[in-house]
Amino acid sequence: MASLRKRSVQLSGHATSIALEPEFWAVLEAMAAVDGLSLAALIGRIDDARGGRPLASACRVAALTFAGRGPSHELPSRA
């Protein structure tokens, strides 16, 4: 099993750490590239759309959704 990799991002002016498996980080980076966003901006969009789900879980679900649909995914734009 791959160990978790932690990264810090700024969300709404606050530093937040997210720990995910390297495979999920790779998919999130691909998502960001397809959308022309930084990884932090993509995670901000995921954060805005996650509801009550923990951020790491929301990132994993977004990555799985992207991997299942390919580059035609859509996330709400950040308000």
Protein backbone atom coordinates (compact mmCIF):
# COMPACT_ATOMS: atom_id res chain seq x y z
CA MET A 1 0.00 0.00 0.00
CA ALA A 2 1.30 3.44 -0.93
CA SER A 3 2.00 5.81 1.91
CA LEU A 4 0.11 9.07 2.14
CA ARG A 5 1.70 12.26 0.85
CA LYS A 6 0.81 15.48 2.58
CA ARG A 7 0.51 18.82 0.80
CA SER A 8 -0.47 22.22 2.08
CA VAL A 9 -2.80 24.56 0.20
CA GLN A 10 -4.41 27.90 0.96
CA LEU A 11 -8.21 27.69 1.09
CA SER A 12 -10.16 30.85 1.85
CA GLY A 13 -7.01 32.41 3.29
CA HIS A 14 -6.24 29.50 5.61
CA ALA A 15 -3.45 26.94 5.25
CA THR A 16 -4.85 23.42 5.06
CA SER A 17 -2.95 20.13 4.82
CA ILE A 18 -4.33 17.25 2.80
CA ALA A 19 -2.92 13.72 2.95
CA LEU A 20 -3.62 11.51 -0.08
CA GLU A 21 -2.06 8.55 -1.80
CA PRO A 22 0.35 9.50 -4.62
CA GLU A 23 -2.02 8.02 -7.21
CA PHE A 24 -4.77 10.45 -6.18
CA TRP A 25 -2.36 13.39 -6.32
CA ALA A 26 -1.43 12.35 -9.88
CA VAL A 27 -5.07 12.35 -10.98
CA LEU A 28 -5.75 15.70 -9.29
CA GLU A 29 -2.73 17.18 -11.07
CA ALA A 30 -4.09 15.88 -14.39
CA MET A 31 -7.51 17.39 -13.60
CA ALA A 32 -5.92 20.74 -12.84
CA ALA A 33 -3.91 20.64 -16.08
CA VAL A 34 -7.01 19.84 -18.16
CA ASP A 35 -8.88 22.74 -16.56
CA GLY A 36 -5.92 25.11 -16.81
CA LEU A 37 -5.88 25.57 -13.05
CA SER A 38 -3.28 25.36 -10.35
CA LEU A 39 -3.64 22.40 -8.02
CA ALA A 40 -4.62 24.81 -5.24
CA ALA A 41 -7.36 26.35 -7.40
CA LEU A 42 -8.73 22.91 -8.27
CA ILE A 43 -8.76 21.89 -4.61
CA GLY A 44 -10.55 25.18 -3.85
CA ARG A 45 -13.28 24.21 -6.32
CA ILE A 46 -13.53 20.75 -4.77
CA ASP A 47 -13.71 22.37 -1.32
CA ASP A 48 -16.57 24.64 -2.43
CA ALA A 49 -18.55 21.66 -3.76
CA ARG A 50 -17.89 19.10 -1.02
CA GLY A 51 -20.78 19.81 1.34
CA GLY A 52 -20.18 18.06 4.66
CA ARG A 53 -17.72 15.51 3.25
CA PRO A 54 -14.12 15.66 4.59
CA LEU A 55 -11.82 17.42 2.12
CA ALA A 56 -9.52 14.42 1.57
CA SER A 57 -12.56 12.25 0.81
CA ALA A 58 -13.97 14.86 -1.56
CA CYS A 59 -10.61 14.98 -3.39
CA ARG A 60 -10.60 11.19 -3.75
CA VAL A 61 -14.19 11.18 -5.06
CA ALA A 62 -13.38 13.97 -7.55
CA ALA A 63 -10.32 12.04 -8.74
CA LEU A 64 -12.31 8.82 -9.16
CA THR A 65 -15.08 10.67 -10.98
CA PHE A 66 -12.54 12.27 -13.32
CA ALA A 67 -10.82 8.94 -13.96
CA GLY A 68 -14.18 7.32 -14.72
CA ARG A 69 -15.42 10.06 -17.05
CA GLY A 70 -12.20 11.29 -18.56
CA PRO A 71 -11.59 14.98 -19.22
CA SER A 72 -15.28 15.85 -19.71
CA HIS A 73 -15.79 16.27 -15.92
CA GLU A 74 -17.36 19.40 -14.53
CA LEU A 75 -17.00 20.95 -11.10
CA PRO A 76 -18.83 24.07 -10.01
CA SER A 77 -16.80 27.21 -10.55
CA ARG A 78 -15.52 28.92 -7.43
CA ALA A 79 -17.78 31.73 -6.26
